[in-house]
Amino acid sequence: MLVIIDTNVLLISISSKSKYHWLYQLILDKKIRIAFTHDILTEYEEQLALHWNPSVANNVIRALAELSTAAQMIVYYNLNLIKADEDDNKFVDCAFAANADFIITNDSHFNILKNIDFPNIPVLTIVEFQVLLEKQNYLKQ
């Protein structure tokens, strides 16, 4: 399974004390594949440095970049499907380029993708993703 992780979801999954830490752990354990672009990694790093500190940001970015189950994508098409917050389009374009199974986000701006027939880019919240993984026995219920 290949997913794109929105920054808001990554931020809430990093801490080992978070109820969503299972996601970051699955990524590190190479149980799910992720894709990102240079722009996405840059946003991750900026936001992690703001919410945690630059050292944590550097460690997380290094860990993600070195994973054999992570793919750094080059985007050739800018679909511009999200108008409410155009900065979110980098995740959509990455998902399209990677042929990702899902974008995992808690951002309601991505709901517009549910009304677009092509390209089909499924979006799940972290809770919806957790339910899906439990049904597929990726996670213990």
C-alpha atoms as a PDB file:
ATOM      1  CA  MET A   1       0.000   0.000   0.000  1.00  0.00           C
ATOM      2  CA  LEU A   2       1.372   3.381  -1.039  1.00  0.00           C
ATOM      3  CA  VAL A   3       0.161   6.514   0.746  1.00  0.00           C
ATOM      4  CA  ILE A   4       0.778  10.228   0.812  1.00  0.00           C
ATOM      5  CA  ILE A   5       0.821  11.657   4.334  1.00  0.00           C
ATOM      6  CA  ASP A   6      -0.382  15.228   4.758  1.00  0.00           C
ATOM      7  CA  THR A   7       1.676  17.322   7.136  1.00  0.00           C
ATOM      8  CA  ASN A   8      -1.119  17.598   9.711  1.00  0.00           C
ATOM      9  CA  VAL A   9      -1.235  13.806  10.007  1.00  0.00           C
ATOM     10  CA  LEU A  10       2.528  13.429  10.223  1.00  0.00           C
ATOM     11  CA  LEU A  11       2.629  15.998  13.027  1.00  0.00           C
ATOM     12  CA  ILE A  12       0.120  14.098  15.160  1.00  0.00           C
ATOM     13  CA  SER A  13       1.776  10.724  14.602  1.00  0.00           C
ATOM     14  CA  ILE A  14       5.395  11.487  15.532  1.00  0.00           C
ATOM     15  CA  SER A  15       5.188  11.456  19.322  1.00  0.00           C
ATOM     16  CA  SER A  16       5.325   8.032  20.938  1.00  0.00           C
ATOM     17  CA  LYS A  17       2.692   9.378  23.354  1.00  0.00           C
ATOM     18  CA  SER A  18       0.223  10.119  20.540  1.00  0.00           C
ATOM     19  CA  LYS A  19      -2.725   7.802  19.976  1.00  0.00           C
ATOM     20  CA  TYR A  20      -1.795   8.035  16.291  1.00  0.00           C
ATOM     21  CA  HIS A  21       1.834   7.009  16.719  1.00  0.00           C
ATOM     22  CA  TRP A  22       0.964   3.642  15.146  1.00  0.00           C
ATOM     23  CA  LEU A  23       1.072   5.373  11.730  1.00  0.00           C
ATOM     24  CA  TYR A  24       4.602   6.705  12.092  1.00  0.00           C
ATOM     25  CA  GLN A  25       5.667   3.328  13.486  1.00  0.00           C
ATOM     26  CA  LEU A  26       4.177   1.491  10.475  1.00  0.00           C
ATOM     27  CA  ILE A  27       6.139   3.802   8.183  1.00  0.00           C
ATOM     28  CA  LEU A  28       9.408   3.245  10.068  1.00  0.00           C
ATOM     29  CA  ASP A  29       8.762  -0.512  10.212  1.00  0.00           C
ATOM     30  CA  LYS A  30       8.311  -0.489   6.414  1.00  0.00           C
ATOM     31  CA  LYS A  31       4.812  -1.951   6.662  1.00  0.00           C
ATOM     32  CA  ILE A  32       3.364   0.763   4.459  1.00  0.00           C
ATOM     33  CA  ARG A  33       5.054   2.668   1.652  1.00  0.00           C
ATOM     34  CA  ILE A  34       5.035   6.438   1.422  1.00  0.00           C
ATOM     35  CA  ALA A  35       5.774   8.902  -1.328  1.00  0.00           C
ATOM     36  CA  PHE A  36       6.661  12.574  -1.157  1.00  0.00           C
ATOM     37  CA  THR A  37       8.199  15.335  -3.199  1.00  0.00           C
ATOM     38  CA  HIS A  38      10.994  17.716  -2.303  1.00  0.00           C
ATOM     39  CA  ASP A  39       8.334  20.369  -1.559  1.00  0.00           C
ATOM     40  CA  ILE A  40       6.496  18.010   0.794  1.00  0.00           C
ATOM     41  CA  LEU A  41       9.701  17.135   2.660  1.00  0.00           C
ATOM     42  CA  THR A  42      10.475  20.835   2.986  1.00  0.00           C
ATOM     43  CA  GLU A  43       7.015  21.494   4.453  1.00  0.00           C
ATOM     44  CA  TYR A  44       7.409  18.543   6.836  1.00  0.00           C
ATOM     45  CA  GLU A  45      10.738  19.911   8.009  1.00  0.00           C
ATOM     46  CA  GLU A  46       9.433  23.467   8.490  1.00  0.00           C
ATOM     47  CA  GLN A  47       6.360  22.371  10.441  1.00  0.00           C
ATOM     48  CA  LEU A  48       8.211  19.817  12.563  1.00  0.00           C
ATOM     49  CA  ALA A  49      10.788  22.465  13.478  1.00  0.00           C
ATOM     50  CA  LEU A  50       7.971  24.836  14.506  1.00  0.00           C
ATOM     51  CA  HIS A  51       5.975  22.277  16.490  1.00  0.00           C
ATOM     52  CA  TRP A  52       8.895  20.326  17.968  1.00  0.00           C
ATOM     53  CA  ASN A  53      12.373  21.635  17.243  1.00  0.00           C
ATOM     54  CA  PRO A  54      14.917  21.648  14.385  1.00  0.00           C
ATOM     55  CA  SER A  55      16.686  18.550  15.716  1.00  0.00           C
ATOM     56  CA  VAL A  56      13.499  16.477  15.713  1.00  0.00           C
ATOM     57  CA  ALA A  57      12.673  17.803  12.248  1.00  0.00           C
ATOM     58  CA  ASN A  58      16.082  16.818  10.932  1.00  0.00           C
ATOM     59  CA  ASN A  59      15.849  13.315  12.433  1.00  0.00           C
ATOM     60  CA  VAL A  60      12.372  12.671  11.048  1.00  0.00           C
ATOM     61  CA  ILE A  61      13.274  13.912   7.563  1.00  0.00           C
ATOM     62  CA  ARG A  62      16.443  11.820   7.522  1.00  0.00           C
ATOM     63  CA  ALA A  63      14.525   8.725   8.675  1.00  0.00           C
ATOM     64  CA  LEU A  64      11.861   9.175   5.999  1.00  0.00           C
ATOM     65  CA  ALA A  65      14.319   9.931   3.206  1.00  0.00           C
ATOM     66  CA  GLU A  66      16.424   6.852   3.968  1.00  0.00           C
ATOM     67  CA  LEU A  67      13.556   4.343   4.026  1.00  0.00           C
ATOM     68  CA  SER A  68      13.643   1.741   1.281  1.00  0.00           C
ATOM     69  CA  THR A  69       9.839   1.911   1.283  1.00  0.00           C
ATOM     70  CA  ALA A  70       9.770   5.656   0.602  1.00  0.00           C
ATOM     71  CA  ALA A  71       9.756   7.173  -2.858  1.00  0.00           C
ATOM     72  CA  GLN A  72      10.716  10.720  -3.692  1.00  0.00           C
ATOM     73  CA  MET A  73       8.574  11.709  -6.644  1.00  0.00           C
ATOM     74  CA  ILE A  74       9.034  14.255  -9.377  1.00  0.00           C
ATOM     75  CA  VAL A  75       5.771  15.923 -10.357  1.00  0.00           C
ATOM     76  CA  TYR A  76       5.232  16.530 -14.044  1.00  0.00           C
ATOM     77  CA  TYR A  77       1.566  17.586 -13.882  1.00  0.00           C
ATOM     78  CA  ASN A  78       0.100  20.273 -11.673  1.00  0.00           C
ATOM     79  CA  LEU A  79      -3.556  19.323 -11.493  1.00  0.00           C
ATOM     80  CA  ASN A  80      -4.656  22.339  -9.392  1.00  0.00           C
ATOM     81  CA  LEU A  81      -7.707  20.502  -8.065  1.00  0.00           C
ATOM     82  CA  ILE A  82      -7.855  22.222  -4.661  1.00  0.00           C
ATOM     83  CA  LYS A  83      -8.794  25.885  -4.884  1.00  0.00           C
ATOM     84  CA  ALA A  84      -9.509  26.577  -1.181  1.00  0.00           C
ATOM     85  CA  ASP A  85      -5.835  26.142  -0.226  1.00  0.00           C
ATOM     86  CA  GLU A  86      -3.680  25.801  -3.308  1.00  0.00           C
ATOM     87  CA  ASP A  87      -0.656  24.794  -1.234  1.00  0.00           C
ATOM     88  CA  ASP A  88      -2.431  21.459  -0.622  1.00  0.00           C
ATOM     89  CA  ASN A  89      -2.123  20.645  -4.320  1.00  0.00           C
ATOM     90  CA  LYS A  90       1.450  19.449  -3.817  1.00  0.00           C
ATOM     91  CA  PHE A  91       0.034  16.389  -2.011  1.00  0.00           C
ATOM     92  CA  VAL A  92      -2.544  15.766  -4.740  1.00  0.00           C
ATOM     93  CA  ASP A  93       0.061  16.080  -7.485  1.00  0.00           C
ATOM     94  CA  CYS A  94       2.384  13.731  -5.611  1.00  0.00           C
ATOM     95  CA  ALA A  95      -0.428  11.188  -5.185  1.00  0.00           C
ATOM     96  CA  PHE A  96      -1.164  11.376  -8.910  1.00  0.00           C
ATOM     97  CA  ALA A  97       2.522  11.014  -9.866  1.00  0.00           C
ATOM     98  CA  ALA A  98       3.019   8.081  -7.483  1.00  0.00           C
ATOM     99  CA  ASN A  99      -0.297   6.407  -8.317  1.00  0.00           C
ATOM    100  CA  ALA A 100      -0.855   6.336  -4.561  1.00  0.00           C
ATOM    101  CA  ASP A 101      -3.608   4.324  -2.955  1.00  0.00           C
ATOM    102  CA  PHE A 102      -4.606   7.128  -0.580  1.00  0.00           C
ATOM    103  CA  ILE A 103      -3.863  10.582   0.716  1.00  0.00           C
ATOM    104  CA  ILE A 104      -4.092  10.509   4.506  1.00  0.00           C
ATOM    105  CA  THR A 105      -5.215  13.894   5.808  1.00  0.00           C
ATOM    106  CA  ASN A 106      -7.456  15.525   8.373  1.00  0.00           C
ATOM    107  CA  ASP A 107      -7.741  18.645   6.211  1.00  0.00           C
ATOM    108  CA  SER A 108     -11.271  19.237   4.874  1.00  0.00           C
ATOM    109  CA  HIS A 109      -9.896  21.019   1.778  1.00  0.00           C
ATOM    110  CA  PHE A 110      -9.166  17.569   0.349  1.00  0.00           C
ATOM    111  CA  ASN A 111     -12.873  16.623   0.416  1.00  0.00           C
ATOM    112  CA  ILE A 112     -13.220  18.206  -3.021  1.00  0.00           C
ATOM    113  CA  LEU A 113     -11.365  15.180  -4.403  1.00  0.00           C
ATOM    114  CA  LYS A 114     -14.330  12.977  -3.499  1.00  0.00           C
ATOM    115  CA  ASN A 115     -16.386  14.830  -6.142  1.00  0.00           C
ATOM    116  CA  ILE A 116     -13.828  14.571  -8.949  1.00  0.00           C
ATOM    117  CA  ASP A 117     -14.089  11.562 -11.264  1.00  0.00           C
ATOM    118  CA  PHE A 118     -10.655  11.875 -12.830  1.00  0.00           C
ATOM    119  CA  PRO A 119      -8.149  11.486 -11.551  1.00  0.00           C
ATOM    120  CA  ASN A 120      -9.464   9.252  -8.794  1.00  0.00           C
ATOM    121  CA  ILE A 121      -7.404  10.095  -5.720  1.00  0.00           C
ATOM    122  CA  PRO A 122      -8.916   8.517  -2.597  1.00  0.00           C
ATOM    123  CA  VAL A 123      -8.661  10.527   0.609  1.00  0.00           C
ATOM    124  CA  LEU A 124      -8.944   9.139   4.130  1.00  0.00           C
ATOM    125  CA  THR A 125      -8.693  10.734   7.545  1.00  0.00           C
ATOM    126  CA  ILE A 126      -6.249   9.108   9.922  1.00  0.00           C
ATOM    127  CA  VAL A 127      -9.171   7.473  11.768  1.00  0.00           C
ATOM    128  CA  GLU A 128     -10.642   6.101   8.509  1.00  0.00           C
ATOM    129  CA  PHE A 129      -7.194   4.807   7.574  1.00  0.00           C
ATOM    130  CA  GLN A 130      -6.873   3.128  10.965  1.00  0.00           C
ATOM    131  CA  VAL A 131     -10.234   1.364  10.484  1.00  0.00           C
ATOM    132  CA  LEU A 132      -9.172   0.202   7.011  1.00  0.00           C
ATOM    133  CA  LEU A 133      -5.870  -1.155   8.331  1.00  0.00           C
ATOM    134  CA  GLU A 134      -7.618  -2.958  11.180  1.00  0.00           C
ATOM    135  CA  LYS A 135      -9.971  -4.631   8.693  1.00  0.00           C
ATOM    136  CA  GLN A 136      -6.952  -5.710   6.632  1.00  0.00           C
ATOM    137  CA  ASN A 137      -5.145  -6.962   9.764  1.00  0.00           C
ATOM    138  CA  TYR A 138      -2.339  -4.413   9.492  1.00  0.00           C
ATOM    139  CA  LEU A 139      -3.231  -3.278  12.986  1.00  0.00           C
ATOM    140  CA  LYS A 140      -4.535  -5.163  15.979  1.00  0.00           C
ATOM    141  CA  GLN A 141      -8.082  -4.190  16.838  1.00  0.00           C
END
